Amino acid sequence: MPKQPNDFLKYSNLFIQMAVIIGLSSFGGQKLDHYFNNKQPVFTIILSLLGIFFALYLVLKDFIRPKK
């Protein structure tokens, strides 16, 4: 019988994935706002929200997946 991964490692990996996704999307939005000289951070807001939704999707997909 294969050994189950430690819950701490599993959830810390999810946290790292979420942080990287949200961080990269926010960073990309800031770069786009700077490139287009936007006065309002439109791209930062949009890409940050998309990053949050995508990260939550990945986490919820992992929680809903049936346990083996």
Protein backbone atom coordinates (compact mmCIF):
# COMPACT_ATOMS: atom_id res chain seq x y z
CA MET A 1 0.00 0.00 0.00
CA PRO A 2 1.52 3.38 -1.00
CA LYS A 3 2.25 5.82 1.76
CA GLN A 4 -0.09 8.82 1.95
CA PRO A 5 1.58 12.26 1.72
CA ASN A 6 1.81 14.28 4.87
CA ASP A 7 -1.10 16.75 5.17
CA PHE A 8 1.29 19.56 6.11
CA LEU A 9 3.27 19.07 2.90
CA LYS A 10 0.09 18.88 0.84
CA TYR A 11 -1.35 22.12 2.21
CA SER A 12 1.95 23.98 2.19
CA ASN A 13 2.28 23.06 -1.49
CA LEU A 14 -1.21 24.46 -2.14
CA PHE A 15 -0.26 27.67 -0.30
CA ILE A 16 2.90 28.07 -2.37
CA GLN A 17 0.95 27.51 -5.60
CA MET A 18 -1.64 30.10 -4.59
CA ALA A 19 1.01 32.65 -3.61
CA VAL A 20 2.91 32.20 -6.88
CA ILE A 21 -0.22 32.45 -9.05
CA ILE A 22 -1.55 35.54 -7.29
CA GLY A 23 1.88 37.15 -7.10
CA LEU A 24 2.70 36.62 -10.78
CA SER A 25 -0.70 37.83 -11.94
CA SER A 26 -0.42 40.98 -9.79
CA PHE A 27 3.12 41.60 -11.00
CA GLY A 28 2.05 41.16 -14.61
CA GLY A 29 -0.83 43.58 -14.09
CA GLN A 30 1.50 46.19 -12.64
CA LYS A 31 3.88 45.81 -15.57
CA LEU A 32 1.01 46.20 -18.06
CA ASP A 33 -0.29 49.29 -16.24
CA HIS A 34 3.19 50.78 -16.32
CA TYR A 35 3.67 49.89 -20.00
CA PHE A 36 0.37 51.51 -21.04
CA ASN A 37 0.83 54.45 -18.60
CA ASN A 38 -2.57 53.88 -16.96
CA LYS A 39 -3.55 56.31 -14.24
CA GLN A 40 -5.84 53.72 -12.69
CA PRO A 41 -4.43 50.22 -12.02
CA VAL A 42 -6.93 48.49 -14.30
CA PHE A 43 -4.72 45.60 -15.40
CA THR A 44 -3.44 45.07 -11.86
CA ILE A 45 -6.97 44.74 -10.50
CA ILE A 46 -8.23 42.51 -13.31
CA LEU A 47 -5.23 40.17 -13.37
CA SER A 48 -5.11 40.00 -9.55
CA LEU A 49 -8.75 38.96 -9.41
CA LEU A 50 -8.25 36.41 -12.18
CA GLY A 51 -5.24 35.04 -10.32
CA ILE A 52 -7.26 34.74 -7.10
CA PHE A 53 -10.10 32.95 -8.88
CA PHE A 54 -7.71 30.57 -10.62
CA ALA A 55 -5.88 29.82 -7.36
CA LEU A 56 -9.17 29.16 -5.57
CA TYR A 57 -10.25 26.90 -8.41
CA LEU A 58 -7.10 24.82 -8.00
CA VAL A 59 -7.59 24.56 -4.23
CA LEU A 60 -11.27 23.66 -4.47
CA LYS A 61 -10.55 21.11 -7.20
CA ASP A 62 -8.05 19.47 -4.86
CA PHE A 63 -10.50 19.43 -1.92
CA ILE A 64 -13.41 18.07 -3.96
CA ARG A 65 -11.35 15.31 -5.56
CA PRO A 66 -12.41 11.97 -4.06
CA LYS A 67 -9.93 10.45 -1.64
CA LYS A 68 -8.40 7.14 -2.65
